[in-house]
Amino acid sequence: MQYTNENYFIYDDVERVDLPKVKELLSISYWASERTIDVIEKSVENSECFSLYDDEIQIGFARVVSDFSTFGYIADVIVDPDYRGQGLGKWLVETVVNDPRWKGKFLMLATDDAHGLYQKHGFKQSPKFMGFY
């Protein structure tokens, strides 16, 4: 599927994932800066991916890990710093959470920032979440 917003596009086709660009984007994140290209490639292969493009240049990324029955975990939501502040991250998250594959399923994510962005889409903080690192 392709989504359009003026000169920007979101593709949910794994073939549109530019692995070197995703590696570059994730290298500036606090959560995935040390991931190797091999780890990123494997995560892409095992996820439903959403690639944000400005014409032919990938400028953002998000993915969902799901059992396609009950839940989906949203991960690696990122937009190139040069494109932030234009509502593209909001559009990317909106596109991900409104994808028909997740209708009626429990969606979750973990983040240290951007709580306001996710709360606008119905996400709530939960004291039940536990993590193991």
C-alpha atoms as a PDB file:
ATOM      1  CA  MET A   1       0.000   0.000   0.000  1.00  0.00           C
ATOM      2  CA  GLN A   2       1.131   3.546  -0.676  1.00  0.00           C
ATOM      3  CA  TYR A   3      -0.032   6.607   1.269  1.00  0.00           C
ATOM      4  CA  THR A   4       0.485  10.128  -0.077  1.00  0.00           C
ATOM      5  CA  ASN A   5       0.758  13.501   1.645  1.00  0.00           C
ATOM      6  CA  GLU A   6       1.821  16.214  -0.837  1.00  0.00           C
ATOM      7  CA  ASN A   7       5.391  15.252  -1.890  1.00  0.00           C
ATOM      8  CA  TYR A   8       5.752  12.593   0.813  1.00  0.00           C
ATOM      9  CA  PHE A   9       4.916   8.916   0.627  1.00  0.00           C
ATOM     10  CA  ILE A  10       4.619   6.042   3.066  1.00  0.00           C
ATOM     11  CA  TYR A  11       5.074   2.535   1.697  1.00  0.00           C
ATOM     12  CA  ASP A  12       4.273  -0.641   3.619  1.00  0.00           C
ATOM     13  CA  ASP A  13       6.245  -2.725   1.139  1.00  0.00           C
ATOM     14  CA  VAL A  14       9.385  -4.300   2.604  1.00  0.00           C
ATOM     15  CA  GLU A  15      11.036  -3.887  -0.802  1.00  0.00           C
ATOM     16  CA  ARG A  16      10.951  -0.106  -0.268  1.00  0.00           C
ATOM     17  CA  VAL A  17      13.035  -0.292   2.929  1.00  0.00           C
ATOM     18  CA  ASP A  18      16.423   1.317   2.250  1.00  0.00           C
ATOM     19  CA  LEU A  19      18.512  -0.650   4.771  1.00  0.00           C
ATOM     20  CA  PRO A  20      21.561   1.661   4.710  1.00  0.00           C
ATOM     21  CA  LYS A  21      19.284   4.682   5.272  1.00  0.00           C
ATOM     22  CA  VAL A  22      17.438   2.947   8.104  1.00  0.00           C
ATOM     23  CA  LYS A  23      20.806   2.091   9.662  1.00  0.00           C
ATOM     24  CA  GLU A  24      21.803   5.758   9.345  1.00  0.00           C
ATOM     25  CA  LEU A  25      18.554   6.915  10.963  1.00  0.00           C
ATOM     26  CA  LEU A  26      18.711   4.395  13.795  1.00  0.00           C
ATOM     27  CA  SER A  27      22.372   5.239  14.461  1.00  0.00           C
ATOM     28  CA  ILE A  28      21.247   8.641  15.788  1.00  0.00           C
ATOM     29  CA  SER A  29      18.580   7.155  18.056  1.00  0.00           C
ATOM     30  CA  TYR A  30      18.990   6.491  21.763  1.00  0.00           C
ATOM     31  CA  TRP A  31      17.530   2.986  21.489  1.00  0.00           C
ATOM     32  CA  ALA A  32      19.215   1.471  18.423  1.00  0.00           C
ATOM     33  CA  SER A  33      22.439   3.378  17.800  1.00  0.00           C
ATOM     34  CA  GLU A  34      24.553   0.242  18.123  1.00  0.00           C
ATOM     35  CA  ARG A  35      22.513  -2.068  15.877  1.00  0.00           C
ATOM     36  CA  THR A  36      24.390  -3.644  13.031  1.00  0.00           C
ATOM     37  CA  ILE A  37      23.046  -3.699   9.505  1.00  0.00           C
ATOM     38  CA  ASP A  38      22.593  -7.491   9.850  1.00  0.00           C
ATOM     39  CA  VAL A  39      20.396  -7.071  12.931  1.00  0.00           C
ATOM     40  CA  ILE A  40      18.386  -4.349  11.206  1.00  0.00           C
ATOM     41  CA  GLU A  41      17.931  -6.526   8.126  1.00  0.00           C
ATOM     42  CA  LYS A  42      16.655  -9.430  10.226  1.00  0.00           C
ATOM     43  CA  SER A  43      14.266  -7.134  12.137  1.00  0.00           C
ATOM     44  CA  VAL A  44      12.905  -5.811   8.822  1.00  0.00           C
ATOM     45  CA  GLU A  45      12.423  -9.329   7.486  1.00  0.00           C
ATOM     46  CA  ASN A  46      10.364 -10.242  10.556  1.00  0.00           C
ATOM     47  CA  SER A  47       8.218  -7.110  10.775  1.00  0.00           C
ATOM     48  CA  GLU A  48       5.626  -5.167   8.852  1.00  0.00           C
ATOM     49  CA  CYS A  49       7.541  -2.053   7.818  1.00  0.00           C
ATOM     50  CA  PHE A  50       6.461   1.479   6.987  1.00  0.00           C
ATOM     51  CA  SER A  51       8.957   3.587   5.035  1.00  0.00           C
ATOM     52  CA  LEU A  52       8.497   7.358   4.823  1.00  0.00           C
ATOM     53  CA  TYR A  53       9.873   8.934   1.660  1.00  0.00           C
ATOM     54  CA  ASP A  54      10.484  12.409   0.301  1.00  0.00           C
ATOM     55  CA  ASP A  55      10.251  11.585  -3.394  1.00  0.00           C
ATOM     56  CA  GLU A  56      12.939   8.874  -3.772  1.00  0.00           C
ATOM     57  CA  ILE A  57      14.779   9.422  -0.467  1.00  0.00           C
ATOM     58  CA  GLN A  58      13.799   7.502   2.648  1.00  0.00           C
ATOM     59  CA  ILE A  59      13.408   9.960   5.518  1.00  0.00           C
ATOM     60  CA  GLY A  60      11.562   7.899   8.113  1.00  0.00           C
ATOM     61  CA  PHE A  61      10.777   4.424   9.289  1.00  0.00           C
ATOM     62  CA  ALA A  62       8.541   2.432  11.624  1.00  0.00           C
ATOM     63  CA  ARG A  63       7.768  -1.234  12.010  1.00  0.00           C
ATOM     64  CA  VAL A  64       5.234  -3.485  13.688  1.00  0.00           C
ATOM     65  CA  VAL A  65       5.928  -6.928  15.115  1.00  0.00           C
ATOM     66  CA  SER A  66       2.684  -8.876  15.354  1.00  0.00           C
ATOM     67  CA  ASP A  67       1.049 -12.251  15.718  1.00  0.00           C
ATOM     68  CA  PHE A  68      -1.733 -10.891  13.440  1.00  0.00           C
ATOM     69  CA  SER A  69      -4.312 -12.208  15.900  1.00  0.00           C
ATOM     70  CA  THR A  70      -4.177 -10.284  19.155  1.00  0.00           C
ATOM     71  CA  PHE A  71      -1.354  -7.768  19.343  1.00  0.00           C
ATOM     72  CA  GLY A  72       1.207  -5.633  17.587  1.00  0.00           C
ATOM     73  CA  TYR A  73       4.354  -4.009  18.948  1.00  0.00           C
ATOM     74  CA  ILE A  74       5.297  -0.728  17.282  1.00  0.00           C
ATOM     75  CA  ALA A  75       9.055  -0.234  17.090  1.00  0.00           C
ATOM     76  CA  ASP A  76      11.770   1.952  15.613  1.00  0.00           C
ATOM     77  CA  VAL A  77       9.614   4.976  14.806  1.00  0.00           C
ATOM     78  CA  ILE A  78      12.045   7.598  13.530  1.00  0.00           C
ATOM     79  CA  VAL A  79      12.113  10.600  11.189  1.00  0.00           C
ATOM     80  CA  ASP A  80      15.242  12.239   9.797  1.00  0.00           C
ATOM     81  CA  PRO A  81      16.079  15.285  11.965  1.00  0.00           C
ATOM     82  CA  ASP A  82      16.071  17.534   8.870  1.00  0.00           C
ATOM     83  CA  TYR A  83      12.375  16.695   8.358  1.00  0.00           C
ATOM     84  CA  ARG A  84      11.124  16.952  11.923  1.00  0.00           C
ATOM     85  CA  GLY A  85       8.619  19.594  12.949  1.00  0.00           C
ATOM     86  CA  GLN A  86       6.516  19.206   9.803  1.00  0.00           C
ATOM     87  CA  GLY A  87       3.997  16.695  11.152  1.00  0.00           C
ATOM     88  CA  LEU A  88       5.586  13.786   9.288  1.00  0.00           C
ATOM     89  CA  GLY A  89       6.162  11.743  12.454  1.00  0.00           C
ATOM     90  CA  LYS A  90       2.539  12.277  13.408  1.00  0.00           C
ATOM     91  CA  TRP A  91       1.447  11.160   9.939  1.00  0.00           C
ATOM     92  CA  LEU A  92       3.728   8.103  10.108  1.00  0.00           C
ATOM     93  CA  VAL A  93       2.317   7.010  13.486  1.00  0.00           C
ATOM     94  CA  GLU A  94      -1.246   7.731  12.305  1.00  0.00           C
ATOM     95  CA  THR A  95      -0.680   5.572   9.235  1.00  0.00           C
ATOM     96  CA  VAL A  96       0.752   2.729  11.314  1.00  0.00           C
ATOM     97  CA  VAL A  97      -1.984   2.675  13.965  1.00  0.00           C
ATOM     98  CA  ASN A  98      -4.798   3.013  11.411  1.00  0.00           C
ATOM     99  CA  ASP A  99      -3.552   0.166   9.229  1.00  0.00           C
ATOM    100  CA  PRO A 100      -6.470  -2.295   8.860  1.00  0.00           C
ATOM    101  CA  ARG A 101      -4.232  -5.220   9.892  1.00  0.00           C
ATOM    102  CA  TRP A 102      -4.197  -3.901  13.469  1.00  0.00           C
ATOM    103  CA  LYS A 103      -7.936  -3.174  13.772  1.00  0.00           C
ATOM    104  CA  GLY A 104      -9.222  -4.700  16.998  1.00  0.00           C
ATOM    105  CA  LYS A 105      -5.747  -5.695  18.155  1.00  0.00           C
ATOM    106  CA  PHE A 106      -3.825  -4.510  21.191  1.00  0.00           C
ATOM    107  CA  LEU A 107      -1.029  -2.187  20.057  1.00  0.00           C
ATOM    108  CA  MET A 108       1.848  -1.344  22.346  1.00  0.00           C
ATOM    109  CA  LEU A 109       5.167   0.423  22.254  1.00  0.00           C
ATOM    110  CA  ALA A 110       7.946   1.515  24.568  1.00  0.00           C
ATOM    111  CA  THR A 111       9.451   4.990  24.468  1.00  0.00           C
ATOM    112  CA  ASP A 112      11.397   7.432  26.597  1.00  0.00           C
ATOM    113  CA  ASP A 113      10.075  10.419  24.680  1.00  0.00           C
ATOM    114  CA  ALA A 114       7.287  11.616  22.355  1.00  0.00           C
ATOM    115  CA  HIS A 115       4.611  10.571  24.848  1.00  0.00           C
ATOM    116  CA  GLY A 116       2.343  13.378  23.643  1.00  0.00           C
ATOM    117  CA  LEU A 117       2.530  12.124  20.062  1.00  0.00           C
ATOM    118  CA  TYR A 118       1.432   8.637  21.037  1.00  0.00           C
ATOM    119  CA  GLN A 119      -1.224   9.810  23.516  1.00  0.00           C
ATOM    120  CA  LYS A 120      -2.924  11.686  20.647  1.00  0.00           C
ATOM    121  CA  HIS A 121      -3.428   8.277  19.037  1.00  0.00           C
ATOM    122  CA  GLY A 122      -4.979   6.708  22.118  1.00  0.00           C
ATOM    123  CA  PHE A 123      -1.889   5.219  23.765  1.00  0.00           C
ATOM    124  CA  LYS A 124      -1.807   5.298  27.556  1.00  0.00           C
ATOM    125  CA  GLN A 125       1.018   4.709  29.986  1.00  0.00           C
ATOM    126  CA  SER A 126       0.712   1.476  31.925  1.00  0.00           C
ATOM    127  CA  PRO A 127       2.301   0.356  35.181  1.00  0.00           C
ATOM    128  CA  LYS A 128       1.925  -3.232  33.950  1.00  0.00           C
ATOM    129  CA  PHE A 129       4.721  -3.031  31.389  1.00  0.00           C
ATOM    130  CA  MET A 130       7.897  -4.858  32.279  1.00  0.00           C
ATOM    131  CA  GLY A 131      11.043  -5.156  30.254  1.00  0.00           C
ATOM    132  CA  PHE A 132      14.126  -7.329  30.262  1.00  0.00           C
ATOM    133  CA  TYR A 133      17.333  -5.981  28.803  1.00  0.00           C
END
